[in-house]
Amino acid sequence: MKPQKRPKLSFWEIWNMSFGFLGIQFGFALQNANVSRIFETLGANVDDIPILWIAAPLTGLVVQPIIGYFSDRTWTRLGRRRPYFLFGAIAASIALIFMPNSPALWVAAGMLWIMDASINISMEPFRAFVGDMLPSEQRTKGFAMQSFFIGTGAVVASALPWILTNWFGVANTAGPGLVPPSVKWSFYLGAFAFLSAVLWTVFRTKEYTPEELEAFEAAEKNEIEDKNAIRDVPIIAGEGQKKINLGLIFTVIGVITTYLTYEYALDKEVYVATGGLIAIGVVMFFAGLFQKNGKTEQGLVVVMHDFIHMPKTMKQLALVQFFSWFALFAMWIYTTAGVTAHVYEATDTTSELYNIGADWVGVMFGVYNGVAAIVAFGLAPMAKLLSRKWVHALSLILGGIGLIMIYYISDPIHLIYSMIGIGIAWASILAMPYAILAGSIPSQKMGLYMGIFNFFIVLPQLIAATILGYVTRTYFEGEAVFALVLGGIVMIIAAGTMYFVDDVDAES
């Protein structure tokens, strides 16, 4: 009997399996729109902000490939990916409650590590989930549905401080060193939304068993071979390779993290590293829960082997991701400082004008995510018309133009126009690279490769976190708006690199 391909899922089945991303984006959107504001409120200078944000990329670098590796090898009563959704949601919700109540800058920096690590634990398996559950012809739709929920969740979450202040009268100012009540309540509501949305996916979606996934993979491989377009599958690490103790690996990473953050944080002591070690400890504990027969598998050997032997399409997309996410990181960490200083001409974090500007940044972030949610539904038909690679290239160009426009705008209302271009780019960034990638990797390594692919998201952010403060202080005379212009230029460069990408699914 000929093996069967993955069955097509209905609209509502795809909806249910993607719904958890609504909650995940509540966490990320609150973080992106408000953490710089919290840091400034607690005493951080503008050129301190990038290094304080180093938690976001570094936890992704560590967490996502490890969680991807273990989720590929997990099978419990809840399934393969869903245990990770659930654990990450619980931990992230707790961190969201504590974050705005940080009594000092070092506490907030450490809490960002924990919050970001927890969000990553939930998020990474969601990417692999689409590859597990959907046939090739529905994956663009699946990732587009995730983009829709990411956009929708971020619209509400980004604008929450503004909504609470303007619709419900919650105060948006507080004394020196105090986070405004509107921000605190936004994080509390975000914690509830995060956990609720993930629970919906956990209990409304049934995963395929490992045996079913193996049969699906065999059927799809045969079909691709019939079309003379064999999937680019890397070889598997040899059995004779030496096993690595993951606990030792995390210890080494912790030591390196401590050293680097001590060197770069200078007089900020080592609070960044302290939070990083706690976050890494959380990942160690969680990974240990799902080790096969209580034994550490090949771990780092497998990750590094598959990193070196990654599929050709993945290598091509790596450059696109690198430039795209450098630009996004510059936008997330510098929009508040850039807009409040350049457009509102306010730098005193206790002033009403500064907080009005900071609230408006939340609205701006809500707009670009709202645009992304709408555009997400048009990605699949546009990809059929133009191809996925050219839709992505065009979207990145519009995003780059949107970032550059911020420098030339003086009326806050007109900043909405720049957010439209950024929203189109964001929708495509969340869908197209993953849809292209999913067609070039084997399903039995979907989680691992999605985690490794995250390297090319977090590495540019690490570089940005390391150099942007220096560049802004030295070359931009402390004017954060020029960091946004730099981000726009880099995003347009990312669009140019799409020319070199081969879309295996589209070609076959």
Protein backbone atom coordinates (compact mmCIF):
# COMPACT_ATOMS: atom_id res chain seq x y z
CA MET A 1 0.00 0.00 0.00
CA LYS A 2 1.36 3.38 -1.02
CA PRO A 3 2.04 5.66 1.99
CA GLN A 4 -0.28 8.63 2.34
CA LYS A 5 0.72 12.29 2.49
CA ARG A 6 -0.32 14.54 5.35
CA PRO A 7 -4.04 15.24 5.05
CA LYS A 8 -5.12 18.82 4.37
CA LEU A 9 -6.56 20.58 7.39
CA SER A 10 -9.62 22.80 7.44
CA PHE A 11 -9.50 26.53 8.04
CA TRP A 12 -10.62 26.12 11.65
CA GLU A 13 -8.11 23.36 12.33
CA ILE A 14 -5.32 25.65 11.14
CA TRP A 15 -6.89 28.43 13.22
CA ASN A 16 -6.85 26.32 16.40
CA MET A 17 -3.27 25.10 15.96
CA SER A 18 -2.07 28.69 15.40
CA PHE A 19 -4.16 30.43 18.07
CA GLY A 20 -1.45 30.12 20.72
CA PHE A 21 0.66 32.58 18.76
CA LEU A 22 -1.86 35.26 19.73
CA GLY A 23 -0.72 34.87 23.33
CA ILE A 24 2.96 34.54 22.50
CA GLN A 25 2.83 37.83 20.65
CA PHE A 26 1.17 39.51 23.61
CA GLY A 27 4.38 38.76 25.47
CA PHE A 28 6.72 39.83 22.70
CA ALA A 29 4.75 42.98 21.83
CA LEU A 30 4.64 44.18 25.43
CA GLN A 31 8.37 43.51 25.65
CA ASN A 32 9.24 45.27 22.39
CA ALA A 33 7.09 48.35 23.00
CA ASN A 34 7.74 48.86 26.72
CA VAL A 35 11.03 47.36 27.95
CA SER A 36 13.16 50.28 26.69
CA ARG A 37 10.71 52.59 28.43
CA ILE A 38 11.05 50.61 31.67
CA PHE A 39 14.84 50.69 31.40
CA GLU A 40 14.86 54.47 30.85
CA THR A 41 12.43 54.95 33.73
CA LEU A 42 14.74 52.99 36.02
CA GLY A 43 17.74 55.13 35.06
CA ALA A 44 19.28 53.71 31.85
CA ASN A 45 20.90 56.10 29.36
CA VAL A 46 20.08 55.90 25.66
CA ASP A 47 23.42 54.28 24.78
CA ASP A 48 22.98 51.72 27.60
CA ILE A 49 19.79 50.32 26.07
CA PRO A 50 21.32 47.97 23.43
CA ILE A 51 23.49 46.05 25.91
CA LEU A 52 20.56 45.77 28.33
CA TRP A 53 18.59 44.19 25.49
CA ILE A 54 21.24 41.55 24.86
CA ALA A 55 19.06 39.05 26.75
CA ALA A 56 16.63 38.80 23.84
CA PRO A 57 19.02 37.48 21.17
CA LEU A 58 21.26 35.52 23.51
CA THR A 59 18.45 33.50 25.08
CA GLY A 60 17.12 32.78 21.59
CA LEU A 61 20.55 31.59 20.51
CA VAL A 62 20.72 29.13 23.40
CA VAL A 63 17.10 28.17 23.91
CA GLN A 64 15.64 27.65 20.45
CA PRO A 65 17.99 24.99 19.00
CA ILE A 66 18.03 23.07 22.30
CA ILE A 67 14.24 23.15 22.63
CA GLY A 68 13.93 22.24 18.94
CA TYR A 69 16.26 19.29 19.41
CA PHE A 70 14.37 17.95 22.42
CA SER A 71 10.91 18.60 21.00
CA ASP A 72 11.84 16.46 17.97
CA ARG A 73 12.54 13.62 20.43
CA THR A 74 9.63 14.14 22.83
CA TRP A 75 6.44 12.13 23.05
CA THR A 76 4.15 12.50 26.06
CA ARG A 77 0.44 12.31 26.78
CA LEU A 78 0.25 15.92 25.58
CA GLY A 79 2.13 15.10 22.38
CA ARG A 80 5.38 16.27 20.87
CA ARG A 81 5.34 20.08 20.81
CA ARG A 82 2.49 20.94 23.19
CA PRO A 83 4.39 20.29 26.47
CA TYR A 84 6.81 23.04 25.46
CA PHE A 85 3.98 25.41 24.55
CA LEU A 86 2.48 24.92 28.00
CA PHE A 87 5.62 25.15 30.14
CA GLY A 88 6.85 28.24 28.32
CA ALA A 89 3.47 29.94 28.65
CA ILE A 90 3.32 29.39 32.41
CA ALA A 91 6.87 30.67 32.98
CA ALA A 92 6.43 33.65 30.63
CA SER A 93 3.15 34.67 32.28
CA ILE A 94 4.81 34.75 35.69
CA ALA A 95 7.70 36.82 34.28
CA LEU A 96 5.27 39.29 32.68
CA ILE A 97 3.71 39.94 36.08
CA PHE A 98 7.07 40.57 37.76
CA MET A 99 8.72 42.65 34.99
CA PRO A 100 6.97 46.03 35.50
CA ASN A 101 7.38 45.69 39.29
CA SER A 102 11.18 45.58 39.08
CA PRO A 103 12.53 47.79 41.90
CA ALA A 104 15.84 48.53 40.15
CA LEU A 105 17.46 48.45 36.72
CA TRP A 106 19.48 45.31 37.46
CA VAL A 107 16.29 43.45 38.42
CA ALA A 108 14.55 44.52 35.19
CA ALA A 109 17.57 43.42 33.12
CA GLY A 110 17.61 40.01 34.81
CA MET A 111 13.84 39.62 34.46
CA LEU A 112 14.14 40.28 30.71
CA TRP A 113 16.40 37.22 30.47
CA ILE A 114 13.85 35.02 32.20
CA MET A 115 10.88 36.42 30.28
CA ASP A 116 12.57 36.11 26.88
CA ALA A 117 13.83 32.57 27.57
CA SER A 118 10.32 31.49 28.58
CA ILE A 119 8.70 33.05 25.51
CA ASN A 120 11.27 31.29 23.29
CA ILE A 121 10.44 27.94 24.89
CA SER A 122 6.83 28.37 23.75
CA MET A 123 7.56 29.94 20.38
CA GLU A 124 10.16 27.67 18.77
CA PRO A 125 8.02 24.49 18.71
CA PHE A 126 5.16 26.49 17.12
CA ARG A 127 7.30 26.97 13.99
CA ALA A 128 7.98 23.23 13.77
CA PHE A 129 4.29 22.57 14.52
CA VAL A 130 3.31 23.88 11.08
CA GLY A 131 5.80 21.56 9.40
CA ASP A 132 4.49 18.63 11.45
CA MET A 133 0.80 19.19 10.84
CA LEU A 134 0.43 20.63 7.34
CA PRO A 135 1.22 19.30 3.85
CA SER A 136 3.59 21.34 1.69
CA GLU A 137 0.80 23.12 -0.22
CA GLN A 138 -0.75 24.43 3.03
CA ARG A 139 2.42 25.60 4.82
CA THR A 140 2.36 29.11 3.38
CA LYS A 141 -1.21 29.36 4.66
CA GLY A 142 -0.16 27.98 8.05
CA PHE A 143 2.67 30.45 8.54
CA ALA A 144 0.42 33.24 7.23
CA MET A 145 -2.14 32.29 9.88
CA GLN A 146 0.60 32.59 12.50
CA SER A 147 1.41 36.02 11.06
CA PHE A 148 -2.25 36.98 11.42
CA PHE A 149 -2.32 36.02 15.11
CA ILE A 150 1.05 37.65 15.72
CA GLY A 151 -0.26 40.86 14.18
CA THR A 152 -3.59 40.73 15.97
CA GLY A 153 -2.07 40.03 19.37
CA ALA A 154 0.54 42.73 18.93
CA VAL A 155 -2.03 45.35 17.90
CA VAL A 156 -3.82 45.04 21.22
CA ALA A 157 -0.73 44.44 23.37
CA SER A 158 1.32 47.31 21.89
CA ALA A 159 -1.51 49.80 22.31
CA LEU A 160 -2.60 48.61 25.78
CA PRO A 161 -0.91 51.42 27.78
CA TRP A 162 -2.48 54.02 25.48
CA ILE A 163 -5.88 52.28 25.61
CA LEU A 164 -5.84 52.02 29.41
CA THR A 165 -4.94 55.70 29.74
CA ASN A 166 -7.25 57.19 27.11
CA TRP A 167 -10.25 54.85 27.43
CA PHE A 168 -10.17 53.84 31.09
CA GLY A 169 -8.34 56.70 32.77
CA VAL A 170 -5.41 54.67 34.12
CA ALA A 171 -2.47 56.97 34.94
CA ASN A 172 0.42 56.97 32.45
CA THR A 173 2.89 58.81 34.68
CA ALA A 174 4.47 58.07 38.04
CA GLY A 175 7.24 59.40 40.23
CA PRO A 176 10.96 59.17 39.41
CA GLY A 177 12.07 55.56 38.99
CA LEU A 178 8.50 54.22 39.03
CA VAL A 179 6.82 52.38 36.15
CA PRO A 180 3.41 53.97 35.31
CA PRO A 181 0.26 52.04 36.33
CA SER A 182 -0.89 51.84 32.68
CA VAL A 183 2.24 49.84 31.83
CA LYS A 184 1.88 47.57 34.86
CA TRP A 185 -1.74 46.68 34.08
CA SER A 186 -0.82 46.06 30.43
CA PHE A 187 1.67 43.41 31.53
CA TYR A 188 -0.88 41.80 33.88
CA LEU A 189 -3.45 41.55 31.09
CA GLY A 190 -0.75 40.24 28.76
CA ALA A 191 0.11 37.43 31.17
CA PHE A 192 -3.53 36.31 31.24
CA ALA A 193 -3.85 36.48 27.43
CA PHE A 194 -0.59 34.57 26.89
CA LEU A 195 -1.58 31.61 29.03
CA SER A 196 -5.19 31.50 27.83
CA ALA A 197 -4.31 31.48 24.12
CA VAL A 198 -1.67 28.77 24.49
CA LEU A 199 -4.09 26.61 26.51
CA TRP A 200 -6.57 26.90 23.60
CA THR A 201 -4.06 25.36 21.17
CA VAL A 202 -2.90 22.74 23.68
CA PHE A 203 -6.42 21.40 24.24
CA ARG A 204 -7.94 22.00 20.78
CA THR A 205 -5.24 20.40 18.61
CA LYS A 206 -4.22 16.76 18.37
CA GLU A 207 -0.70 15.99 17.14
CA TYR A 208 0.32 13.19 14.80
CA THR A 209 2.26 10.32 16.38
CA PRO A 210 5.94 9.75 15.46
CA GLU A 211 4.88 6.72 13.38
CA GLU A 212 2.38 8.79 11.39
CA LEU A 213 4.95 11.52 10.78
CA GLU A 214 7.46 8.93 9.54
CA ALA A 215 4.89 7.58 7.08
CA PHE A 216 4.03 11.09 5.86
CA GLU A 217 7.70 11.87 5.32
CA ALA A 218 8.17 8.70 3.24
CA ALA A 219 5.19 9.56 1.04
CA GLU A 220 6.35 13.14 0.48
CA LYS A 221 9.91 12.07 -0.28
CA ASN A 222 8.63 9.62 -2.91
CA GLU A 223 6.51 12.34 -4.48
CA ILE A 224 9.43 14.76 -4.68
CA GLU A 225 11.67 12.07 -6.18
CA ASP A 226 8.97 11.37 -8.76
CA LYS A 227 9.26 15.03 -9.78
CA ASN A 228 13.04 14.77 -10.06
CA ALA A 229 13.50 17.37 -7.29
CA ILE A 230 14.94 15.43 -4.37
CA ARG A 231 14.72 17.30 -1.08
CA ASP A 232 18.03 18.59 0.20
CA VAL A 233 18.36 16.29 3.24
CA PRO A 234 21.62 16.50 5.23
CA ILE A 235 23.32 13.38 6.52
CA ILE A 236 22.75 12.28 10.11
CA ALA A 237 25.51 12.40 12.71
CA GLY A 238 27.33 9.10 13.01
CA GLU A 239 26.62 6.71 15.85
CA GLY A 240 30.28 6.62 16.86
CA GLN A 241 30.42 10.32 17.70
CA LYS A 242 31.10 11.17 21.30
CA LYS A 243 28.18 12.09 23.53
CA ILE A 244 28.28 15.49 25.18
CA ASN A 245 27.00 16.35 28.65
CA LEU A 246 24.50 19.16 28.13
CA GLY A 247 24.93 20.35 31.70
CA LEU A 248 28.61 21.01 30.99
CA ILE A 249 27.69 22.84 27.79
CA PHE A 250 25.33 25.16 29.64
CA THR A 251 27.96 25.78 32.31
CA VAL A 252 30.47 26.86 29.67
CA ILE A 253 27.86 29.10 28.02
CA GLY A 254 27.08 30.62 31.42
CA VAL A 255 30.76 31.38 32.06
CA ILE A 256 31.16 32.98 28.62
CA THR A 257 27.97 34.99 29.17
CA THR A 258 29.24 36.24 32.52
CA TYR A 259 32.59 37.27 31.05
CA LEU A 260 31.16 39.07 28.02
CA THR A 261 28.51 40.94 29.94
CA TYR A 262 31.01 41.94 32.61
CA GLU A 263 33.31 43.33 29.93
CA TYR A 264 30.59 45.23 28.10
CA ALA A 265 28.35 46.29 30.99
CA LEU A 266 31.29 47.99 32.77
CA ASP A 267 29.92 49.89 35.76
CA LYS A 268 26.54 48.12 35.42
CA GLU A 269 28.14 45.22 37.36
CA VAL A 270 27.07 41.76 36.13
CA TYR A 271 23.30 41.88 36.50
CA VAL A 272 22.81 41.06 32.82
CA ALA A 273 24.85 37.87 33.25
CA THR A 274 23.05 36.97 36.46
CA GLY A 275 19.71 36.97 34.67
CA GLY A 276 21.24 35.01 31.82
CA LEU A 277 22.47 32.26 34.12
CA ILE A 278 19.02 31.97 35.69
CA ALA A 279 17.39 31.73 32.26
CA ILE A 280 19.89 29.09 31.14
CA GLY A 281 19.18 27.15 34.33
CA VAL A 282 15.46 27.14 33.49
CA VAL A 283 16.22 25.69 30.05
CA MET A 284 18.54 23.05 31.57
CA PHE A 285 15.81 21.94 33.95
CA PHE A 286 13.14 21.78 31.28
CA ALA A 287 15.35 19.99 28.74
CA GLY A 288 16.23 17.40 31.37
CA LEU A 289 12.57 16.53 31.85
CA PHE A 290 12.32 15.10 28.35
CA GLN A 291 15.62 13.30 27.87
CA LYS A 292 15.15 9.85 26.44
CA ASN A 293 15.36 7.20 29.19
CA GLY A 294 16.96 9.80 31.45
CA LYS A 295 20.16 9.82 29.34
CA THR A 296 21.77 12.76 27.60
CA GLU A 297 21.80 12.18 23.86
CA GLN A 298 24.33 13.51 21.39
CA GLY A 299 23.08 17.04 22.06
CA LEU A 300 25.60 19.58 20.88
CA VAL A 301 27.24 17.14 18.44
CA VAL A 302 23.96 16.78 16.54
CA VAL A 303 23.20 20.50 16.66
CA MET A 304 26.66 21.48 15.41
CA HIS A 305 26.72 18.74 12.77
CA ASP A 306 23.37 19.81 11.33
CA PHE A 307 24.42 23.46 11.54
CA ILE A 308 27.47 22.72 9.37
CA HIS A 309 25.50 20.50 6.96
CA MET A 310 22.37 22.64 6.74
CA PRO A 311 20.41 22.53 3.47
CA LYS A 312 21.43 24.88 0.66
CA THR A 313 18.20 26.89 0.81
CA MET A 314 18.68 27.42 4.55
CA LYS A 315 22.17 28.84 3.94
CA GLN A 316 20.77 31.24 1.36
CA LEU A 317 17.98 32.40 3.66
CA ALA A 318 20.49 32.92 6.48
CA LEU A 319 21.82 36.11 4.88
CA VAL A 320 18.31 37.45 4.35
CA GLN A 321 17.41 36.79 7.97
CA PHE A 322 20.64 38.34 9.22
CA PHE A 323 19.99 41.74 7.64
CA SER A 324 16.23 41.67 8.28
CA TRP A 325 16.56 41.05 12.01
CA PHE A 326 19.38 43.54 12.51
CA ALA A 327 16.96 46.17 11.19
CA LEU A 328 14.08 44.93 13.35
CA PHE A 329 16.21 44.93 16.51
CA ALA A 330 17.30 48.53 15.83
CA MET A 331 13.64 49.49 15.47
CA TRP A 332 12.49 47.74 18.65
CA ILE A 333 15.12 49.17 20.95
CA TYR A 334 15.35 52.70 19.53
CA THR A 335 11.85 53.72 18.38
CA THR A 336 10.83 54.98 21.83
CA ALA A 337 14.00 57.03 22.30
CA GLY A 338 14.00 58.18 18.67
CA VAL A 339 10.37 59.28 18.52
CA THR A 340 10.20 60.94 21.96
CA ALA A 341 13.39 62.93 21.31
CA HIS A 342 13.10 63.62 17.56
CA VAL A 343 9.34 64.15 17.18
CA TYR A 344 8.17 65.13 20.68
CA GLU A 345 11.47 66.79 21.71
CA ALA A 346 11.18 65.24 25.19
CA THR A 347 13.87 63.29 27.06
CA ASP A 348 12.72 63.59 30.70
CA THR A 349 11.07 60.24 31.46
CA THR A 350 8.94 61.78 34.24
CA SER A 351 7.46 64.46 31.96
CA GLU A 352 3.95 64.18 30.57
CA LEU A 353 5.17 64.89 27.02
CA TYR A 354 7.67 62.01 27.13
CA ASN A 355 5.02 59.57 28.34
CA ILE A 356 2.54 60.76 25.72
CA GLY A 357 5.21 60.04 23.11
CA ALA A 358 6.04 56.66 24.63
CA ASP A 359 2.34 55.73 24.60
CA TRP A 360 2.15 56.79 20.95
CA VAL A 361 5.03 54.46 20.13
CA GLY A 362 2.82 51.66 21.48
CA VAL A 363 0.08 52.77 19.07
CA MET A 364 2.61 52.84 16.22
CA PHE A 365 3.68 49.30 17.05
CA GLY A 366 0.03 48.32 17.15
CA VAL A 367 -0.47 49.79 13.68
CA TYR A 368 2.38 47.93 12.05
CA ASN A 369 1.22 44.70 13.65
CA GLY A 370 -2.36 45.38 12.56
CA VAL A 371 -1.17 45.90 9.00
CA ALA A 372 0.76 42.63 9.29
CA ALA A 373 -2.39 40.81 10.42
CA ILE A 374 -4.33 42.07 7.40
CA VAL A 375 -1.51 41.53 4.90
CA ALA A 376 -1.00 37.98 6.18
CA PHE A 377 -4.18 36.84 4.39
CA GLY A 378 -2.88 38.19 1.09
CA LEU A 379 0.53 36.52 1.26
CA ALA A 380 -0.54 33.13 -0.10
CA PRO A 381 -2.34 34.48 -3.22
CA MET A 382 0.44 37.00 -3.84
CA ALA A 383 3.02 34.22 -3.58
CA LYS A 384 1.13 32.22 -6.22
CA LEU A 385 1.16 35.25 -8.49
CA LEU A 386 4.74 36.48 -8.02
CA SER A 387 6.50 33.65 -6.11
CA ARG A 388 7.34 33.63 -2.41
CA LYS A 389 10.88 35.01 -2.84
CA TRP A 390 9.81 38.09 -4.80
CA VAL A 391 6.91 38.87 -2.49
CA HIS A 392 9.36 38.78 0.40
CA ALA A 393 11.89 41.00 -1.39
CA LEU A 394 9.25 43.63 -2.21
CA SER A 395 7.93 43.55 1.36
CA LEU A 396 11.40 44.15 2.81
CA ILE A 397 11.93 47.16 0.52
CA LEU A 398 8.68 48.71 1.78
CA GLY A 399 9.75 48.06 5.36
CA GLY A 400 13.12 49.72 4.83
CA ILE A 401 11.47 52.79 3.32
CA GLY A 402 9.12 52.93 6.31
CA LEU A 403 12.00 53.02 8.79
CA ILE A 404 13.89 55.70 6.87
CA MET A 405 10.75 57.86 6.68
CA ILE A 406 10.69 58.30 10.47
CA TYR A 407 13.58 60.77 10.23
CA TYR A 408 11.64 63.03 7.86
CA ILE A 409 8.37 63.11 9.84
CA SER A 410 7.57 65.78 12.42
CA ASP A 411 3.84 65.18 12.94
CA PRO A 412 3.18 62.11 15.15
CA ILE A 413 0.06 61.22 13.15
CA HIS A 414 2.12 60.88 9.99
CA LEU A 415 4.32 58.25 11.66
CA ILE A 416 1.45 55.87 10.94
CA TYR A 417 2.42 55.94 7.25
CA SER A 418 5.90 54.65 8.01
CA MET A 419 4.36 51.86 10.10
CA ILE A 420 2.35 50.63 7.10
CA GLY A 421 5.52 49.75 5.20
CA ILE A 422 7.04 48.15 8.29
CA GLY A 423 3.85 46.14 8.85
CA ILE A 424 4.00 44.70 5.33
CA ALA A 425 7.62 43.67 5.89
CA TRP A 426 6.80 42.18 9.30
CA ALA A 427 3.99 40.01 7.89
CA SER A 428 6.34 38.61 5.27
CA ILE A 429 9.27 38.13 7.68
CA LEU A 430 7.05 36.01 9.92
CA ALA A 431 5.82 33.77 7.10
CA MET A 432 7.81 33.63 3.87
CA PRO A 433 11.27 32.51 5.10
CA TYR A 434 9.69 29.71 7.15
CA ALA A 435 7.42 28.58 4.33
CA ILE A 436 10.41 28.44 1.98
CA LEU A 437 12.57 26.69 4.58
CA ALA A 438 9.98 24.04 5.51
CA GLY A 439 10.10 22.63 1.98
CA SER A 440 13.85 22.01 2.14
CA ILE A 441 14.20 20.10 5.43
CA PRO A 442 13.06 16.63 6.61
CA SER A 443 10.13 16.49 9.02
CA GLN A 444 12.02 14.35 11.56
CA LYS A 445 14.38 17.29 12.08
CA MET A 446 11.83 20.08 11.68
CA GLY A 447 12.18 21.32 15.26
CA LEU A 448 15.97 21.18 15.28
CA TYR A 449 16.36 23.00 11.98
CA MET A 450 13.81 25.66 12.94
CA GLY A 451 15.89 26.18 16.09
CA ILE A 452 19.16 26.36 14.15
CA PHE A 453 17.52 28.77 11.70
CA ASN A 454 16.96 31.03 14.68
CA PHE A 455 20.76 31.50 14.86
CA PHE A 456 20.42 33.88 11.94
CA ILE A 457 17.80 35.87 13.82
CA VAL A 458 19.68 36.18 17.09
CA LEU A 459 23.25 36.65 15.81
CA PRO A 460 22.45 39.99 14.12
CA GLN A 461 20.65 41.08 17.28
CA LEU A 462 23.70 40.20 19.36
CA ILE A 463 25.87 42.24 17.01
CA ALA A 464 23.39 45.11 17.12
CA ALA A 465 23.25 44.96 20.92
CA THR A 466 27.04 45.12 21.04
CA ILE A 467 27.69 47.93 18.53
CA LEU A 468 24.57 50.11 18.24
CA GLY A 469 25.15 51.92 21.54
CA TYR A 470 28.71 52.80 20.50
CA VAL A 471 27.65 53.77 16.97
CA THR A 472 24.80 55.96 18.22
CA ARG A 473 27.00 57.70 20.79
CA THR A 474 30.06 58.12 18.53
CA TYR A 475 28.67 58.71 15.05
CA PHE A 476 25.06 59.83 15.62
CA GLU A 477 25.80 62.14 18.59
CA GLY A 478 23.29 60.25 20.72
CA GLU A 479 20.37 60.80 18.31
CA ALA A 480 18.53 57.49 18.27
CA VAL A 481 16.53 58.35 15.14
CA PHE A 482 19.65 57.77 13.01
CA ALA A 483 19.79 54.17 14.27
CA LEU A 484 16.31 53.75 12.76
CA VAL A 485 17.54 55.12 9.43
CA LEU A 486 20.45 52.66 9.54
CA GLY A 487 17.93 49.87 10.17
CA GLY A 488 15.97 50.92 7.08
CA ILE A 489 19.06 50.78 4.88
CA VAL A 490 19.97 47.34 6.19
CA MET A 491 16.44 46.04 5.54
CA ILE A 492 16.67 47.13 1.90
CA ILE A 493 19.98 45.25 1.66
CA ALA A 494 18.12 42.18 2.98
CA ALA A 495 15.66 42.52 0.10
CA GLY A 496 18.54 42.38 -2.38
CA THR A 497 19.86 39.11 -0.94
CA MET A 498 16.56 37.36 -1.77
CA TYR A 499 17.78 37.20 -5.38
CA PHE A 500 20.12 34.35 -4.39
CA VAL A 501 17.48 32.18 -2.64
CA ASP A 502 16.22 28.93 -4.22
CA ASP A 503 12.68 27.96 -3.21
CA VAL A 504 12.78 24.14 -3.46
CA ASP A 505 9.00 23.66 -3.05
CA ALA A 506 8.16 26.26 -5.67
CA GLU A 507 10.65 24.83 -8.16
CA SER A 508 9.40 21.26 -7.69
